[in-house]
Amino acid sequence: MTLRAPDISDASSIAAISIEVWVGTYLKRGVNRFFADYVLEQFTTAKIAALIDDADRFILVSDNAEGIDGFICIASSSAAPVDGCSDMEIATFYVQPRHHGKGIGKRLLNAALDHCRAQNAKSVWLTTNAENDPAIAFYLSQGFEKVGETHFRIGGEAYLNNVYAYRFL
């Protein structure tokens, strides 16, 4: 497994992982048109390519012998939904479920935290669905603390998310 910055040719792989993880994590009982339309609109090769080219984004991918199996994206100018957080957000952090437990997430997260430290961030924050128990357990085990709540909105629907922060000493 190698961690590296992505290039534009990785955009379709990152989009596919995003769809796989998002659908597998949040759509437990089936996929309806509302969510399918959202996922297919949000996770396009073109949108991922734009993120790769965005100077305010730091992205790392985990690359194994077969291809990309996870990635993390830090947004460096993202206002937190709660007070007391920096503008550094872990905007996206996905590892294919079949690769969980192999240390990929820890390596990606540690590299992203190192990047944030190098940028002299006082903290980094993220949101995750309040019902995503595996992600919550992972973040807490890595030193994040819950600092508030917000809502993820799709159309007129709102879904409770927890806000977590990692503070650098």
N, C-alpha and C. Protein backbone atom coordinates (compact mmCIF):
# COMPACT_ATOMS: atom_id res chain seq x y z
N MET A 1 0.85 -1.18 0.00
CA MET A 1 0.00 0.00 0.00
C MET A 1 0.89 1.24 0.00
N THR A 2 0.56 2.15 -0.89
CA THR A 2 1.29 3.40 -1.02
C THR A 2 0.33 4.56 -0.85
N LEU A 3 0.72 5.57 -0.11
CA LEU A 3 -0.06 6.81 -0.04
C LEU A 3 0.59 7.79 -1.01
N ARG A 4 -0.26 8.46 -1.80
CA ARG A 4 0.25 9.42 -2.77
C ARG A 4 -0.83 10.44 -3.10
N ALA A 5 -0.39 11.55 -3.66
CA ALA A 5 -1.33 12.54 -4.17
C ALA A 5 -1.96 12.00 -5.45
N PRO A 6 -3.23 12.24 -5.67
CA PRO A 6 -3.86 11.76 -6.90
C PRO A 6 -3.53 12.67 -8.07
N ASP A 7 -3.68 12.12 -9.27
CA ASP A 7 -3.66 12.95 -10.46
C ASP A 7 -5.02 12.83 -11.13
N ILE A 8 -5.22 13.59 -12.17
CA ILE A 8 -6.53 13.65 -12.83
C ILE A 8 -6.99 12.27 -13.29
N SER A 9 -6.07 11.41 -13.69
CA SER A 9 -6.47 10.07 -14.15
C SER A 9 -7.08 9.23 -13.04
N ASP A 10 -6.92 9.65 -11.76
CA ASP A 10 -7.51 8.93 -10.63
C ASP A 10 -8.95 9.35 -10.34
N ALA A 11 -9.44 10.38 -11.01
CA ALA A 11 -10.75 10.94 -10.67
C ALA A 11 -11.87 9.91 -10.76
N SER A 12 -11.87 9.08 -11.79
CA SER A 12 -12.96 8.10 -11.92
C SER A 12 -12.89 7.04 -10.82
N SER A 13 -11.69 6.64 -10.43
CA SER A 13 -11.55 5.66 -9.35
C SER A 13 -12.04 6.25 -8.03
N ILE A 14 -11.69 7.50 -7.76
CA ILE A 14 -12.14 8.16 -6.53
C ILE A 14 -13.65 8.33 -6.55
N ALA A 15 -14.22 8.67 -7.70
CA ALA A 15 -15.68 8.79 -7.82
C ALA A 15 -16.35 7.45 -7.54
N ALA A 16 -15.81 6.38 -8.09
CA ALA A 16 -16.40 5.05 -7.88
C ALA A 16 -16.34 4.64 -6.42
N ILE A 17 -15.21 4.89 -5.75
CA ILE A 17 -15.10 4.57 -4.32
C ILE A 17 -16.10 5.40 -3.53
N SER A 18 -16.25 6.66 -3.89
CA SER A 18 -17.19 7.54 -3.18
C SER A 18 -18.61 6.99 -3.28
N ILE A 19 -19.00 6.57 -4.45
CA ILE A 19 -20.35 6.00 -4.64
C ILE A 19 -20.49 4.72 -3.82
N GLU A 20 -19.50 3.84 -3.93
CA GLU A 20 -19.55 2.57 -3.21
C GLU A 20 -19.69 2.79 -1.70
N VAL A 21 -18.85 3.63 -1.14
CA VAL A 21 -18.85 3.83 0.31
C VAL A 21 -20.12 4.57 0.76
N TRP A 22 -20.51 5.61 0.03
CA TRP A 22 -21.68 6.38 0.42
C TRP A 22 -22.94 5.52 0.40
N VAL A 23 -23.15 4.79 -0.68
CA VAL A 23 -24.34 3.94 -0.78
C VAL A 23 -24.29 2.84 0.27
N GLY A 24 -23.14 2.20 0.44
CA GLY A 24 -23.03 1.11 1.41
C GLY A 24 -23.19 1.57 2.85
N THR A 25 -22.80 2.80 3.14
CA THR A 25 -22.88 3.31 4.50
C THR A 25 -24.26 3.83 4.85
N TYR A 26 -24.88 4.54 3.93
CA TYR A 26 -26.11 5.27 4.28
C TYR A 26 -27.40 4.67 3.74
N LEU A 27 -27.32 3.81 2.76
CA LEU A 27 -28.55 3.25 2.19
C LEU A 27 -28.63 1.77 2.53
N LYS A 28 -29.07 1.48 3.74
CA LYS A 28 -29.06 0.12 4.28
C LYS A 28 -30.21 -0.76 3.77
N ARG A 29 -31.31 -0.14 3.36
CA ARG A 29 -32.48 -0.95 3.02
C ARG A 29 -32.88 -0.85 1.55
N GLY A 30 -32.03 -0.28 0.74
CA GLY A 30 -32.34 -0.17 -0.67
C GLY A 30 -32.01 1.23 -1.18
N VAL A 31 -32.01 1.36 -2.49
CA VAL A 31 -31.66 2.63 -3.14
C VAL A 31 -32.88 3.15 -3.87
N ASN A 32 -33.37 4.32 -3.43
CA ASN A 32 -34.48 4.92 -4.15
C ASN A 32 -33.95 6.01 -5.08
N ARG A 33 -34.81 6.52 -5.92
CA ARG A 33 -34.41 7.50 -6.93
C ARG A 33 -33.84 8.77 -6.31
N PHE A 34 -34.42 9.23 -5.21
CA PHE A 34 -33.96 10.44 -4.55
C PHE A 34 -32.47 10.35 -4.22
N PHE A 35 -32.06 9.27 -3.56
CA PHE A 35 -30.66 9.10 -3.19
C PHE A 35 -29.79 8.73 -4.38
N ALA A 36 -30.30 7.93 -5.28
CA ALA A 36 -29.52 7.58 -6.48
C ALA A 36 -29.18 8.83 -7.28
N ASP A 37 -30.16 9.70 -7.46
CA ASP A 37 -29.91 10.94 -8.19
C ASP A 37 -28.86 11.80 -7.48
N TYR A 38 -28.95 11.89 -6.16
CA TYR A 38 -27.98 12.66 -5.39
C TYR A 38 -26.57 12.11 -5.60
N VAL A 39 -26.40 10.81 -5.40
CA VAL A 39 -25.08 10.18 -5.49
C VAL A 39 -24.50 10.35 -6.89
N LEU A 40 -25.30 10.09 -7.91
CA LEU A 40 -24.80 10.18 -9.28
C LEU A 40 -24.51 11.61 -9.70
N GLU A 41 -25.15 12.57 -9.06
CA GLU A 41 -24.87 13.98 -9.34
C GLU A 41 -23.61 14.46 -8.61
N GLN A 42 -23.42 14.01 -7.38
CA GLN A 42 -22.32 14.49 -6.56
C GLN A 42 -20.97 13.85 -6.89
N PHE A 43 -20.98 12.57 -7.15
CA PHE A 43 -19.72 11.84 -7.29
C PHE A 43 -19.42 11.53 -8.76
N THR A 44 -19.19 12.59 -9.50
CA THR A 44 -18.85 12.44 -10.92
C THR A 44 -17.34 12.57 -11.10
N THR A 45 -16.85 12.02 -12.20
CA THR A 45 -15.43 12.16 -12.52
C THR A 45 -15.06 13.63 -12.65
N ALA A 46 -15.91 14.42 -13.28
CA ALA A 46 -15.61 15.85 -13.46
C ALA A 46 -15.53 16.58 -12.12
N LYS A 47 -16.44 16.30 -11.21
CA LYS A 47 -16.40 16.98 -9.90
C LYS A 47 -15.18 16.55 -9.10
N ILE A 48 -14.82 15.29 -9.16
CA ILE A 48 -13.63 14.82 -8.45
C ILE A 48 -12.38 15.43 -9.08
N ALA A 49 -12.32 15.51 -10.40
CA ALA A 49 -11.18 16.14 -11.07
C ALA A 49 -11.03 17.60 -10.62
N ALA A 50 -12.15 18.30 -10.47
CA ALA A 50 -12.09 19.69 -10.00
C ALA A 50 -11.54 19.76 -8.58
N LEU A 51 -11.90 18.81 -7.73
CA LEU A 51 -11.35 18.78 -6.36
C LEU A 51 -9.85 18.53 -6.38
N ILE A 52 -9.41 17.62 -7.25
CA ILE A 52 -7.98 17.32 -7.36
C ILE A 52 -7.21 18.57 -7.77
N ASP A 53 -7.80 19.39 -8.63
CA ASP A 53 -7.16 20.62 -9.11
C ASP A 53 -7.32 21.81 -8.17
N ASP A 54 -8.14 21.69 -7.13
CA ASP A 54 -8.43 22.79 -6.22
C ASP A 54 -7.25 23.02 -5.27
N ALA A 55 -6.68 24.20 -5.30
CA ALA A 55 -5.53 24.53 -4.46
C ALA A 55 -5.88 24.52 -2.97
N ASP A 56 -7.16 24.65 -2.61
CA ASP A 56 -7.58 24.62 -1.22
C ASP A 56 -7.85 23.20 -0.71
N ARG A 57 -7.55 22.21 -1.53
CA ARG A 57 -7.77 20.80 -1.14
C ARG A 57 -6.44 20.07 -1.09
N PHE A 58 -6.31 19.24 -0.08
CA PHE A 58 -5.18 18.32 0.04
C PHE A 58 -5.79 16.92 0.00
N ILE A 59 -5.43 16.16 -0.99
CA ILE A 59 -6.01 14.82 -1.17
C ILE A 59 -4.89 13.80 -1.22
N LEU A 60 -5.09 12.70 -0.51
CA LEU A 60 -4.21 11.55 -0.58
C LEU A 60 -5.04 10.32 -0.91
N VAL A 61 -4.47 9.45 -1.73
CA VAL A 61 -5.11 8.17 -2.01
C VAL A 61 -4.23 7.06 -1.47
N SER A 62 -4.87 5.96 -1.14
CA SER A 62 -4.18 4.72 -0.79
C SER A 62 -4.24 3.84 -2.02
N ASP A 63 -3.08 3.43 -2.48
CA ASP A 63 -2.97 2.69 -3.72
C ASP A 63 -2.37 1.32 -3.42
N ASN A 64 -3.07 0.26 -3.80
CA ASN A 64 -2.52 -1.08 -3.63
C ASN A 64 -2.17 -1.64 -5.02
N ALA A 65 -1.83 -2.88 -5.11
CA ALA A 65 -1.41 -3.47 -6.38
C ALA A 65 -2.50 -3.45 -7.43
N GLU A 66 -3.76 -3.40 -7.01
CA GLU A 66 -4.88 -3.43 -7.95
C GLU A 66 -5.44 -2.05 -8.26
N GLY A 67 -5.18 -1.07 -7.40
CA GLY A 67 -5.73 0.26 -7.61
C GLY A 67 -6.00 0.96 -6.29
N ILE A 68 -6.76 2.03 -6.37
CA ILE A 68 -7.05 2.85 -5.20
C ILE A 68 -8.10 2.15 -4.32
N ASP A 69 -7.84 2.11 -3.00
CA ASP A 69 -8.78 1.48 -2.08
C ASP A 69 -9.30 2.44 -1.01
N GLY A 70 -8.83 3.68 -1.04
CA GLY A 70 -9.30 4.68 -0.09
C GLY A 70 -8.69 6.03 -0.39
N PHE A 71 -9.29 7.07 0.21
CA PHE A 71 -8.74 8.41 0.05
C PHE A 71 -9.24 9.32 1.17
N ILE A 72 -8.53 10.42 1.36
CA ILE A 72 -8.91 11.44 2.31
C ILE A 72 -8.73 12.79 1.65
N CYS A 73 -9.64 13.70 1.93
CA CYS A 73 -9.60 15.04 1.35
C CYS A 73 -9.74 16.07 2.47
N ILE A 74 -8.76 16.97 2.57
CA ILE A 74 -8.78 18.06 3.53
C ILE A 74 -9.10 19.35 2.79
N ALA A 75 -10.10 20.07 3.27
CA ALA A 75 -10.42 21.40 2.75
C ALA A 75 -9.80 22.41 3.71
N SER A 76 -9.01 23.32 3.18
CA SER A 76 -8.25 24.22 4.05
C SER A 76 -8.93 25.55 4.34
N SER A 77 -10.08 25.77 3.78
CA SER A 77 -10.79 27.03 4.07
C SER A 77 -12.29 26.76 4.20
N SER A 78 -12.61 25.93 5.17
CA SER A 78 -13.98 25.48 5.35
C SER A 78 -14.48 25.88 6.75
N ALA A 79 -15.43 26.76 6.79
CA ALA A 79 -15.97 27.22 8.08
C ALA A 79 -16.73 26.09 8.77
N ALA A 80 -16.36 25.85 10.02
CA ALA A 80 -17.02 24.79 10.79
C ALA A 80 -18.43 25.21 11.18
N PRO A 81 -19.33 24.23 11.34
CA PRO A 81 -20.70 24.55 11.75
C PRO A 81 -20.85 24.84 13.24
N VAL A 82 -19.76 24.71 14.00
CA VAL A 82 -19.76 25.01 15.43
C VAL A 82 -18.55 25.89 15.74
N ASP A 83 -18.64 26.64 16.83
CA ASP A 83 -17.54 27.52 17.23
C ASP A 83 -16.36 26.72 17.76
N GLY A 84 -15.17 27.33 17.67
CA GLY A 84 -13.99 26.76 18.29
C GLY A 84 -13.17 25.85 17.40
N CYS A 85 -13.54 25.73 16.13
CA CYS A 85 -12.79 24.88 15.21
C CYS A 85 -12.04 25.74 14.20
N SER A 86 -10.97 25.21 13.67
CA SER A 86 -10.23 25.90 12.62
C SER A 86 -11.00 25.79 11.30
N ASP A 87 -10.41 26.30 10.24
CA ASP A 87 -11.01 26.18 8.90
C ASP A 87 -10.54 24.93 8.17
N MET A 88 -9.82 24.04 8.85
CA MET A 88 -9.34 22.79 8.25
C MET A 88 -10.37 21.70 8.50
N GLU A 89 -10.93 21.18 7.43
CA GLU A 89 -11.97 20.15 7.52
C GLU A 89 -11.53 18.88 6.80
N ILE A 90 -11.77 17.75 7.44
CA ILE A 90 -11.69 16.49 6.72
C ILE A 90 -13.02 16.38 5.98
N ALA A 91 -13.00 16.81 4.73
CA ALA A 91 -14.22 16.93 3.94
C ALA A 91 -14.74 15.56 3.49
N THR A 92 -13.83 14.67 3.16
CA THR A 92 -14.20 13.32 2.72
C THR A 92 -13.11 12.36 3.17
N PHE A 93 -13.55 11.20 3.63
CA PHE A 93 -12.61 10.17 4.09
C PHE A 93 -13.28 8.83 3.87
N TYR A 94 -12.92 8.15 2.81
CA TYR A 94 -13.54 6.89 2.45
C TYR A 94 -12.50 5.81 2.22
N VAL A 95 -12.75 4.64 2.81
CA VAL A 95 -11.97 3.44 2.54
C VAL A 95 -12.97 2.36 2.17
N GLN A 96 -12.68 1.62 1.11
CA GLN A 96 -13.59 0.55 0.71
C GLN A 96 -13.81 -0.39 1.89
N PRO A 97 -15.07 -0.75 2.15
CA PRO A 97 -15.36 -1.60 3.32
C PRO A 97 -14.57 -2.91 3.35
N ARG A 98 -14.31 -3.52 2.21
CA ARG A 98 -13.57 -4.78 2.20
C ARG A 98 -12.11 -4.60 2.62
N HIS A 99 -11.66 -3.34 2.73
CA HIS A 99 -10.29 -3.05 3.16
C HIS A 99 -10.24 -2.48 4.58
N HIS A 100 -11.39 -2.43 5.26
CA HIS A 100 -11.37 -1.98 6.66
C HIS A 100 -10.56 -2.96 7.51
N GLY A 101 -9.93 -2.43 8.53
CA GLY A 101 -9.17 -3.28 9.45
C GLY A 101 -7.77 -3.58 8.99
N LYS A 102 -7.32 -3.00 7.88
CA LYS A 102 -5.98 -3.25 7.36
C LYS A 102 -5.01 -2.10 7.65
N GLY A 103 -5.48 -1.09 8.38
CA GLY A 103 -4.62 0.04 8.70
C GLY A 103 -4.62 1.15 7.67
N ILE A 104 -5.40 1.01 6.63
CA ILE A 104 -5.44 2.02 5.57
C ILE A 104 -5.98 3.34 6.11
N GLY A 105 -7.09 3.27 6.83
CA GLY A 105 -7.69 4.48 7.38
C GLY A 105 -6.76 5.20 8.33
N LYS A 106 -6.08 4.46 9.19
CA LYS A 106 -5.15 5.08 10.14
C LYS A 106 -4.00 5.76 9.40
N ARG A 107 -3.47 5.10 8.38
CA ARG A 107 -2.36 5.70 7.62
C ARG A 107 -2.81 6.96 6.89
N LEU A 108 -3.98 6.91 6.26
CA LEU A 108 -4.49 8.09 5.58
C LEU A 108 -4.74 9.22 6.57
N LEU A 109 -5.38 8.90 7.68
CA LEU A 109 -5.69 9.92 8.68
C LEU A 109 -4.40 10.53 9.25
N ASN A 110 -3.44 9.71 9.61
CA ASN A 110 -2.20 10.23 10.17
C ASN A 110 -1.46 11.14 9.18
N ALA A 111 -1.45 10.76 7.92
CA ALA A 111 -0.82 11.61 6.90
C ALA A 111 -1.57 12.92 6.75
N ALA A 112 -2.89 12.88 6.82
CA ALA A 112 -3.69 14.11 6.72
C ALA A 112 -3.46 14.99 7.95
N LEU A 113 -3.37 14.39 9.13
CA LEU A 113 -3.10 15.17 10.34
C LEU A 113 -1.71 15.79 10.27
N ASP A 114 -0.74 15.06 9.74
CA ASP A 114 0.60 15.63 9.54
C ASP A 114 0.55 16.84 8.62
N HIS A 115 -0.24 16.75 7.56
CA HIS A 115 -0.40 17.89 6.65
C HIS A 115 -0.99 19.09 7.39
N CYS A 116 -2.01 18.85 8.19
CA CYS A 116 -2.65 19.94 8.94
C CYS A 116 -1.68 20.58 9.93
N ARG A 117 -0.89 19.74 10.60
CA ARG A 117 0.14 20.27 11.51
C ARG A 117 1.13 21.16 10.75
N ALA A 118 1.55 20.69 9.60
CA ALA A 118 2.51 21.45 8.78
C ALA A 118 1.93 22.79 8.33
N GLN A 119 0.60 22.87 8.27
CA GLN A 119 -0.07 24.12 7.90
C GLN A 119 -0.35 24.99 9.13
N ASN A 120 0.16 24.55 10.29
CA ASN A 120 -0.01 25.25 11.57
C ASN A 120 -1.47 25.38 12.00
N ALA A 121 -2.27 24.39 11.63
CA ALA A 121 -3.67 24.38 12.07
C ALA A 121 -3.71 24.09 13.57
N LYS A 122 -4.62 24.73 14.27
CA LYS A 122 -4.81 24.46 15.69
C LYS A 122 -5.67 23.22 15.91
N SER A 123 -6.50 22.92 14.90
CA SER A 123 -7.37 21.75 14.96
C SER A 123 -7.80 21.40 13.54
N VAL A 124 -8.44 20.25 13.44
CA VAL A 124 -9.10 19.84 12.20
C VAL A 124 -10.43 19.24 12.61
N TRP A 125 -11.46 19.45 11.81
CA TRP A 125 -12.79 18.98 12.18
C TRP A 125 -13.40 18.17 11.04
N LEU A 126 -14.46 17.45 11.39
CA LEU A 126 -15.21 16.66 10.41
C LEU A 126 -16.62 16.45 10.91
N THR A 127 -17.49 16.04 10.02
CA THR A 127 -18.83 15.63 10.41
C THR A 127 -19.04 14.20 9.95
N THR A 128 -19.87 13.49 10.69
CA THR A 128 -20.28 12.15 10.28
C THR A 128 -21.71 11.93 10.76
N ASN A 129 -22.42 11.12 10.04
CA ASN A 129 -23.80 10.81 10.39
C ASN A 129 -23.84 10.29 11.83
N ALA A 130 -24.80 10.78 12.60
CA ALA A 130 -24.91 10.43 14.01
C ALA A 130 -25.18 8.94 14.23
N GLU A 131 -25.60 8.23 13.19
CA GLU A 131 -25.86 6.79 13.29
C GLU A 131 -24.73 5.94 12.73
N ASN A 132 -23.65 6.56 12.29
CA ASN A 132 -22.53 5.83 11.69
C ASN A 132 -21.57 5.38 12.81
N ASP A 133 -22.02 4.40 13.57
CA ASP A 133 -21.27 3.94 14.74
C ASP A 133 -19.84 3.49 14.44
N PRO A 134 -19.57 2.77 13.35
CA PRO A 134 -18.17 2.39 13.09
C PRO A 134 -17.26 3.59 12.88
N ALA A 135 -17.71 4.59 12.13
CA ALA A 135 -16.89 5.79 11.91
C ALA A 135 -16.70 6.55 13.21
N ILE A 136 -17.75 6.68 13.99
CA ILE A 136 -17.66 7.39 15.27
C ILE A 136 -16.65 6.71 16.18
N ALA A 137 -16.71 5.40 16.28
CA ALA A 137 -15.76 4.66 17.11
C ALA A 137 -14.33 4.86 16.61
N PHE A 138 -14.15 4.85 15.30
CA PHE A 138 -12.82 5.06 14.74
C PHE A 138 -12.29 6.44 15.11
N TYR A 139 -13.09 7.49 14.87
CA TYR A 139 -12.63 8.84 15.16
C TYR A 139 -12.31 9.03 16.65
N LEU A 140 -13.16 8.52 17.51
CA LEU A 140 -12.89 8.64 18.95
C LEU A 140 -11.61 7.91 19.33
N SER A 141 -11.37 6.74 18.73
CA SER A 141 -10.16 5.98 19.04
C SER A 141 -8.89 6.67 18.53
N GLN A 142 -9.06 7.59 17.58
CA GLN A 142 -7.91 8.31 17.01
C GLN A 142 -7.68 9.67 17.67
N GLY A 143 -8.44 9.97 18.71
CA GLY A 143 -8.21 11.20 19.46
C GLY A 143 -9.15 12.35 19.13
N PHE A 144 -10.14 12.13 18.32
CA PHE A 144 -11.14 13.16 18.05
C PHE A 144 -12.11 13.23 19.21
N GLU A 145 -12.71 14.40 19.39
CA GLU A 145 -13.74 14.56 20.41
C GLU A 145 -14.98 15.18 19.75
N LYS A 146 -16.14 14.78 20.25
CA LYS A 146 -17.38 15.36 19.74
C LYS A 146 -17.49 16.79 20.28
N VAL A 147 -17.72 17.74 19.35
CA VAL A 147 -17.79 19.15 19.73
C VAL A 147 -19.13 19.80 19.37
N GLY A 148 -20.02 19.03 18.76
CA GLY A 148 -21.31 19.61 18.43
C GLY A 148 -22.09 18.75 17.44
N GLU A 149 -23.16 19.36 16.96
CA GLU A 149 -24.03 18.68 15.99
C GLU A 149 -24.40 19.65 14.88
N THR A 150 -24.72 19.08 13.75
CA THR A 150 -25.20 19.84 12.60
C THR A 150 -26.12 18.92 11.82
N HIS A 151 -26.56 19.36 10.67
CA HIS A 151 -27.40 18.52 9.82
C HIS A 151 -26.84 18.50 8.40
N PHE A 152 -26.84 17.31 7.83
CA PHE A 152 -26.51 17.13 6.42
C PHE A 152 -27.83 17.25 5.67
N ARG A 153 -27.87 18.09 4.66
CA ARG A 153 -29.13 18.35 3.95
C ARG A 153 -29.06 17.89 2.51
N ILE A 154 -30.09 17.20 2.12
CA ILE A 154 -30.30 16.83 0.72
C ILE A 154 -31.71 17.27 0.39
N GLY A 155 -31.81 18.24 -0.53
CA GLY A 155 -33.13 18.77 -0.84
C GLY A 155 -33.75 19.32 0.42
N GLY A 156 -34.97 18.93 0.72
CA GLY A 156 -35.67 19.40 1.92
C GLY A 156 -35.46 18.51 3.13
N GLU A 157 -34.65 17.49 3.00
CA GLU A 157 -34.43 16.54 4.10
C GLU A 157 -33.17 16.90 4.88
N ALA A 158 -33.20 16.68 6.20
CA ALA A 158 -32.05 16.95 7.05
C ALA A 158 -31.74 15.70 7.88
N TYR A 159 -30.45 15.39 7.99
CA TYR A 159 -29.99 14.20 8.70
C TYR A 159 -28.97 14.63 9.75
N LEU A 160 -29.19 14.20 10.99
CA LEU A 160 -28.33 14.60 12.09
C LEU A 160 -26.90 14.09 11.88
N ASN A 161 -25.96 15.00 11.99
CA ASN A 161 -24.54 14.67 11.94
C ASN A 161 -23.87 15.17 13.21
N ASN A 162 -22.88 14.43 13.68
CA ASN A 162 -22.04 14.88 14.78
C ASN A 162 -20.84 15.61 14.20
N VAL A 163 -20.35 16.59 14.93
CA VAL A 163 -19.14 17.31 14.56
C VAL A 163 -18.04 16.86 15.53
N TYR A 164 -16.91 16.46 14.98
CA TYR A 164 -15.76 16.01 15.76
C TYR A 164 -14.57 16.89 15.44
N ALA A 165 -13.72 17.11 16.43
CA ALA A 165 -12.51 17.90 16.24
C ALA A 165 -11.31 17.15 16.82
N TYR A 166 -10.20 17.34 16.15
CA TYR A 166 -8.91 16.85 16.64
C TYR A 166 -8.08 18.09 16.88
N ARG A 167 -7.63 18.26 18.11
CA ARG A 167 -6.88 19.47 18.47
C ARG A 167 -5.40 19.12 18.58
N PHE A 168 -4.58 19.93 17.93
CA PHE A 168 -3.14 19.74 18.00
C PHE A 168 -2.60 20.43 19.24
N LEU A 169 -1.67 19.80 19.92
CA LEU A 169 -1.11 20.35 21.16
C LEU A 169 -0.02 21.35 20.87
